[in-house]
Protein backbone atom coordinates (compact mmCIF):
# COMPACT_ATOMS: atom_id res chain seq x y z
CA MET A 1 -14.11 37.27 80.54
CA ARG A 2 -15.08 34.99 77.50
CA ARG A 3 -11.64 33.55 75.90
CA CYS A 4 -12.07 35.09 72.25
CA SER A 5 -10.75 32.88 68.62
CA ALA A 6 -10.06 35.17 65.65
CA ILE A 7 -10.94 33.18 62.47
CA VAL A 8 -9.47 35.35 58.90
CA VAL A 9 -10.13 33.91 55.67
CA THR A 10 -7.46 34.35 52.91
CA TYR A 11 -7.15 34.26 49.20
CA ASN A 12 -4.57 35.93 47.52
CA SER A 13 -4.61 38.82 51.23
CA ALA A 14 -0.77 39.06 50.93
CA ALA A 15 -1.15 42.89 50.55
CA HIS A 16 -2.87 42.86 54.25
CA ILE A 17 -3.01 40.09 56.56
CA GLU A 18 0.70 41.36 58.02
CA ALA A 19 -1.69 44.77 59.47
CA CYS A 20 -3.96 42.70 61.05
CA LEU A 21 -2.35 39.92 62.44
CA ARG A 22 -0.41 42.59 64.21
CA ALA A 23 -3.32 44.73 65.68
CA LEU A 24 -4.82 41.16 66.20
CA ALA A 25 -1.86 39.96 68.70
CA PRO A 26 -2.25 42.37 71.99
CA GLN A 27 -5.76 42.04 72.01
CA ASN A 28 -5.45 38.96 74.09
CA CYS A 29 -7.66 36.05 71.50
CA GLU A 30 -6.53 33.37 69.64
CA ILE A 31 -5.67 33.73 65.93
CA VAL A 32 -6.63 31.50 63.36
CA VAL A 33 -5.84 32.23 60.02
CA VAL A 34 -7.31 29.54 57.35
CA ASP A 35 -5.65 30.00 53.58
CA ASN A 36 -8.69 29.74 51.02
CA ALA A 37 -5.37 28.16 47.92
CA SER A 38 -3.86 32.08 47.89
CA GLN A 39 -2.15 31.92 44.67
CA ASP A 40 0.32 35.32 45.98
CA ASP A 41 2.74 35.05 49.21
CA THR A 42 -0.35 35.00 52.07
CA VAL A 43 1.40 31.90 53.41
CA THR A 44 4.62 33.40 53.28
CA ARG A 45 3.54 36.24 54.78
CA VAL A 46 2.24 34.48 57.85
CA LYS A 47 4.35 32.08 58.50
CA THR A 48 7.35 34.54 58.38
CA LEU A 49 4.34 36.72 60.88
CA ALA A 50 3.99 32.99 63.18
CA THR A 51 7.65 33.40 64.71
CA HIS A 52 6.61 36.48 66.66
CA VAL A 53 2.57 35.92 66.45
CA PRO A 54 0.92 33.23 68.25
CA LEU A 55 -1.16 32.08 66.02
CA GLN A 56 -2.65 28.65 64.58
CA LEU A 57 -2.13 28.69 60.01
CA ILE A 58 -4.26 26.38 58.64
CA THR A 59 -3.78 25.08 54.36
CA VAL A 60 -6.85 24.00 52.82
CA SER A 61 -5.64 23.03 48.86
CA ARG A 62 -8.25 24.70 47.04
CA ASN A 63 -10.45 27.57 47.83
CA VAL A 64 -13.32 26.21 49.39
CA GLY A 65 -15.08 29.29 50.09
CA PHE A 66 -15.98 32.14 52.17
CA ALA A 67 -18.07 30.14 54.59
CA GLY A 68 -16.71 26.87 54.73
CA GLY A 69 -12.84 29.04 55.33
CA VAL A 70 -14.53 30.06 58.64
CA ASN A 71 -16.08 26.60 59.40
CA HIS A 72 -12.69 25.13 59.30
CA GLY A 73 -11.23 27.78 61.25
CA ALA A 74 -14.71 27.08 63.58
CA ARG A 75 -13.74 23.88 63.92
CA ALA A 76 -9.53 24.24 64.75
CA ALA A 77 -11.02 27.49 67.75
CA SER A 78 -10.96 26.80 71.03
CA GLY A 79 -12.11 30.17 72.07
CA GLU A 80 -15.57 31.03 73.90
CA VAL A 81 -16.19 32.80 70.90
CA LEU A 82 -15.36 33.03 67.66
CA LEU A 83 -14.41 36.36 65.85
CA ILE A 84 -15.08 35.99 62.33
CA LEU A 85 -12.56 39.00 60.72
CA ASN A 86 -11.68 39.30 57.30
CA PRO A 87 -8.20 39.80 56.48
CA ASP A 88 -8.95 43.76 55.55
CA ALA A 89 -10.21 44.90 58.51
CA ILE A 90 -7.32 46.72 61.52
CA ALA A 91 -9.18 46.21 64.57
CA GLU A 92 -8.41 49.88 66.60
CA SER A 93 -7.24 48.96 70.22
CA GLY A 94 -8.80 47.30 72.18
CA ALA A 95 -11.52 46.31 69.64
CA VAL A 96 -11.31 42.81 70.27
CA GLY A 97 -12.58 43.54 74.19
CA GLU A 98 -15.16 45.76 73.16
CA LEU A 99 -16.91 43.87 71.89
CA LEU A 100 -16.95 40.78 74.13
CA GLU A 101 -17.89 42.98 76.77
CA CYS A 102 -21.39 44.35 74.61
CA LEU A 103 -21.74 40.53 74.01
CA ALA A 104 -21.57 40.22 78.19
CA HIS A 105 -23.63 42.91 78.37
CA SER A 106 -26.46 42.76 76.28
CA GLY A 107 -27.09 38.54 76.50
CA ALA A 108 -25.95 38.51 72.76
CA ALA A 109 -25.48 35.40 70.79
CA ALA A 110 -23.58 38.27 67.52
CA ALA A 111 -22.33 41.64 67.56
CA GLY A 112 -20.92 43.29 65.10
CA GLY A 113 -18.22 45.93 65.26
CA ALA A 114 -17.75 48.59 63.50
CA LEU A 115 -16.46 48.87 60.27
CA LEU A 116 -15.10 52.73 60.06
CA SER A 117 -14.63 54.86 56.65
CA SER A 118 -11.48 56.83 55.28
CA ASP A 119 -13.05 59.66 57.51
CA GLY A 120 -12.46 57.34 61.15
CA LEU A 121 -16.99 56.97 61.24
CA PRO A 122 -18.20 53.73 60.56
CA ALA A 123 -19.30 52.88 57.13
CA LYS A 124 -23.14 53.52 56.70
CA GLY A 125 -24.99 50.79 54.91
CA PHE A 126 -22.78 48.56 55.73
CA SER A 127 -21.59 48.27 59.27
CA PHE A 128 -25.32 46.54 59.62
CA ARG A 129 -27.69 46.29 57.71
CA GLN A 130 -31.80 44.46 58.04
CA LEU A 131 -32.60 41.40 56.61
CA PRO A 132 -32.96 40.91 52.42
CA THR A 133 -36.96 42.00 51.98
CA LEU A 134 -38.34 41.56 48.62
CA SER A 135 -38.36 44.67 47.77
CA SER A 136 -34.84 45.14 49.09
CA LEU A 137 -33.80 42.65 46.29
CA LEU A 138 -35.40 44.00 43.53
CA PHE A 139 -34.28 47.57 44.42
CA GLU A 140 -30.98 46.34 43.69
CA ALA A 141 -31.86 44.35 40.18
CA LEU A 142 -33.72 46.72 38.98
CA LEU A 143 -30.62 49.56 39.51
CA ILE A 144 -33.42 51.19 41.09
CA ASN A 145 -30.69 52.34 44.06
CA GLN A 146 -28.18 53.49 41.42
CA PHE A 147 -30.15 55.50 39.45
CA TRP A 148 -32.26 56.84 43.30
CA PRO A 149 -30.48 55.40 46.02
CA GLY A 150 -32.00 57.50 48.70
CA ASN A 151 -35.31 56.11 47.56
CA PRO A 152 -37.61 54.64 50.83
CA VAL A 153 -36.70 50.91 50.02
CA ASN A 154 -32.66 50.97 50.17
CA ARG A 155 -32.90 53.57 53.05
CA ARG A 156 -34.56 51.37 55.18
CA TYR A 157 -32.71 48.07 54.06
CA ARG A 158 -29.22 49.81 54.81
CA CYS A 159 -30.21 51.92 57.83
CA LEU A 160 -29.47 54.97 56.49
CA GLU A 161 -31.14 56.83 58.61
CA VAL A 162 -30.91 54.75 62.48
CA ASP A 163 -27.13 56.76 64.50
CA GLN A 164 -24.65 54.65 63.77
CA LEU A 165 -22.70 55.69 67.35
CA GLN A 166 -24.78 54.23 69.05
CA GLN A 167 -25.38 50.78 70.14
CA GLN A 168 -27.85 48.30 70.01
CA GLU A 169 -29.73 45.65 67.91
CA VAL A 170 -29.81 45.30 64.80
CA GLU A 171 -31.26 41.90 61.86
CA GLN A 172 -27.40 41.75 60.05
CA PRO A 173 -24.17 42.54 60.59
CA ALA A 174 -21.67 42.76 57.74
CA GLY A 175 -19.42 39.87 58.03
CA ALA A 176 -16.76 41.27 57.43
CA CYS A 177 -16.82 41.87 61.71
CA LEU A 178 -18.90 39.34 63.18
CA ALA A 179 -18.63 38.49 67.09
CA VAL A 180 -20.16 34.48 67.28
CA THR A 181 -20.77 32.11 70.93
CA ARG A 182 -19.82 28.93 70.70
CA ALA A 183 -22.99 28.07 71.39
CA ALA A 184 -24.97 29.95 69.07
CA TRP A 185 -22.71 29.15 66.15
CA GLU A 186 -22.93 25.27 66.91
CA SER A 187 -26.82 26.07 67.69
CA MET A 188 -26.50 26.60 64.27
CA GLN A 189 -23.94 24.57 62.66
CA GLY A 190 -21.99 26.70 61.15
CA MET A 191 -22.33 28.94 57.85
CA ASP A 192 -23.69 27.59 54.94
CA THR A 193 -20.84 26.25 52.30
CA GLN A 194 -23.15 26.57 49.44
CA PHE A 195 -23.08 29.53 49.27
CA PHE A 196 -19.64 30.37 47.28
CA PRO A 197 -17.29 31.36 47.30
CA VAL A 198 -18.31 34.32 48.69
CA TRP A 199 -21.85 36.52 49.13
CA PHE A 200 -24.99 36.63 51.25
CA GLU A 201 -23.93 33.00 53.48
CA ASP A 202 -23.22 36.22 56.47
CA VAL A 203 -27.06 37.14 55.43
CA ASP A 204 -27.70 33.39 55.44
CA PHE A 205 -26.52 32.76 58.64
CA CYS A 206 -28.12 36.03 61.13
CA ALA A 207 -31.35 35.35 59.17
CA ARG A 208 -31.49 31.80 61.18
CA LEU A 209 -30.07 33.08 64.12
CA ARG A 210 -32.82 35.80 64.18
CA LYS A 211 -34.95 32.96 63.44
CA SER A 212 -33.94 31.15 66.29
CA GLY A 213 -34.92 33.78 68.56
CA ALA A 214 -31.60 35.22 69.88
CA LYS A 215 -30.41 38.44 69.35
CA ILE A 216 -27.70 40.30 67.57
CA MET A 217 -26.35 43.69 68.63
CA TYR A 218 -23.84 46.37 66.91
CA CYS A 219 -20.79 47.08 68.94
CA PRO A 220 -20.03 51.19 67.54
CA ALA A 221 -16.99 50.77 70.43
CA ALA A 222 -15.62 48.18 68.66
CA ARG A 223 -13.96 49.54 65.89
CA PHE A 224 -12.01 48.58 62.86
CA GLN A 225 -10.57 49.95 59.80
CA HIS A 226 -11.97 48.45 56.80
CA SER A 227 -10.87 48.51 53.02
CA GLY A 228 -13.27 46.21 51.90
CA ALA A 229 -13.79 43.99 48.09
CA HIS A 230 -9.99 43.57 48.03
CA SER A 231 -10.67 38.95 47.21
CA VAL A 232 -14.38 39.67 44.71
CA GLY A 233 -11.80 42.61 43.14
CA GLN A 234 -10.06 39.26 42.11
CA LEU A 235 -12.94 37.31 40.03
CA GLU A 236 -13.66 38.24 36.54
CA PHE A 237 -16.18 40.56 35.28
CA GLY A 238 -18.95 37.53 34.27
CA ASP A 239 -18.21 34.89 37.85
CA LYS A 240 -19.03 38.16 40.26
CA GLN A 241 -22.37 38.40 38.47
CA GLN A 242 -22.67 35.22 38.33
CA PHE A 243 -21.75 34.28 41.77
CA TRP A 244 -23.96 37.89 43.62
CA TYR A 245 -27.41 37.48 41.50
CA GLY A 246 -26.80 33.34 41.88
CA ASN A 247 -26.80 33.61 46.16
CA MET A 248 -29.29 36.59 46.43
CA LEU A 249 -31.32 33.28 45.06
CA ARG A 250 -30.27 30.59 47.02
CA TYR A 251 -30.71 32.90 49.95
CA ALA A 252 -34.29 34.20 48.62
CA ARG A 253 -35.12 30.53 48.32
CA LYS A 254 -34.53 29.46 52.12
CA HIS A 255 -35.84 32.86 53.54
CA LEU A 256 -39.35 33.94 50.68
CA ALA A 257 -41.84 32.18 49.78
CA PRO A 258 -42.37 30.47 46.34
CA TRP A 259 -43.88 33.24 45.05
CA ARG A 260 -41.48 35.81 46.52
CA VAL A 261 -38.54 33.54 44.64
CA PHE A 262 -40.41 33.77 40.68
CA VAL A 263 -41.29 37.44 40.89
CA LEU A 264 -37.59 37.68 42.25
CA ARG A 265 -36.72 35.46 39.70
CA PHE A 266 -38.38 37.34 36.72
CA GLY A 267 -36.64 41.04 38.16
CA ILE A 268 -33.50 39.87 38.13
CA VAL A 269 -33.41 38.84 33.82
CA LEU A 270 -35.50 42.14 33.56
CA GLY A 271 -32.93 44.42 35.53
CA MET A 272 -29.70 42.03 33.43
CA GLY A 273 -32.13 43.05 30.36
CA LEU A 274 -31.30 46.68 31.26
CA ARG A 275 -28.03 46.43 31.98
CA ALA A 276 -27.38 44.38 28.77
CA LEU A 277 -29.00 47.31 26.79
CA ALA A 278 -26.97 49.93 29.04
CA ALA A 279 -23.90 48.76 28.09
CA THR A 280 -24.87 49.16 24.24
CA VAL A 281 -25.02 52.23 24.45
CA GLY A 282 -21.96 52.80 27.05
CA GLY A 283 -23.25 53.31 30.39
CA GLY A 284 -22.34 49.93 31.60
CA PRO A 285 -19.69 49.23 34.67
CA LYS A 286 -16.76 51.42 33.85
CA GLY A 287 -13.29 49.15 32.51
CA ILE A 288 -15.24 46.65 31.69
CA PRO A 289 -15.69 46.19 27.04
CA TRP A 290 -19.60 46.18 26.67
CA ARG A 291 -19.38 42.61 24.84
CA THR A 292 -17.95 41.38 28.17
CA ALA A 293 -20.35 42.75 30.07
CA VAL A 294 -23.16 41.48 27.98
CA GLN A 295 -22.22 37.92 28.66
CA GLY A 296 -21.95 38.49 31.61
CA TYR A 297 -25.04 38.90 32.22
CA TRP A 298 -26.80 36.66 30.23
CA ARG A 299 -25.07 34.27 32.08
CA VAL A 300 -27.55 35.52 34.63
CA ALA A 301 -30.72 36.05 32.68
CA LYS A 302 -29.62 31.95 31.64
CA PHE A 303 -29.15 31.30 35.18
CA ALA A 304 -31.93 32.67 36.47
CA THR A 305 -34.69 31.49 34.26
CA GLY A 306 -32.97 28.29 35.30
CA LEU A 307 -31.87 27.57 31.59
CA SER A 308 -27.94 26.71 32.67
């Protein structure tokens, strides 16, 4: 079986990192931790754990984003398979071996595992999805998914009617748990660090891999408990909005026709107006003052129109 290197990128991940690394330790996998200038005691906890769990710790002086952190880890890793794993993803016994078996038997260039909800079942709509289309991006930007989550576009994009317990070829496994062969990684020259600090870098990587003719698999026997969104939850509201939609537009510019990008820009601006209107009448995001919400949406609208 090919040797695996697990790459775990941390940013203020002290609450999760120990459980993640302890679960990886017995799975016969090199462990590379890349810390993105955490301001909590993540590094201290990793160093303490390193006294009895073999691992390599790389610290960077500034936050280079998720893609930048993974690229750092890949350069330092020695494995023939790179397992990109979020700090809040906890591998069940044998999970890494299942991923490697899946890659070997399918001949795939990459594979994702099952990210489990609290009920122990794969998280529908998250473990894997189709690659974004103009329709799926517009339905998100225009609040259609929020008001009508069961719409056909959203169900197709999130693969909500697909059997999550069956091994199958997919377009886009979640970057929270993604195994990639070294050959495929190098042929793509890693992740695009312009997707900063997070969002769409894994989608872009899978899209480029698929365009090259490579196969990507979903392997439900490789099970990982996953709490989710611990890093992005630390972002300020306005920053979160701008990073999400900015990276959405970057993805669109790379993979969609120019006229589709133009339509998406218009849809984002319209969506920000709808969100701002909802916030002023008490329908904004929970816990966010309406003025803060409106300011965040205005930032995105200006960016989408090229005014900032």
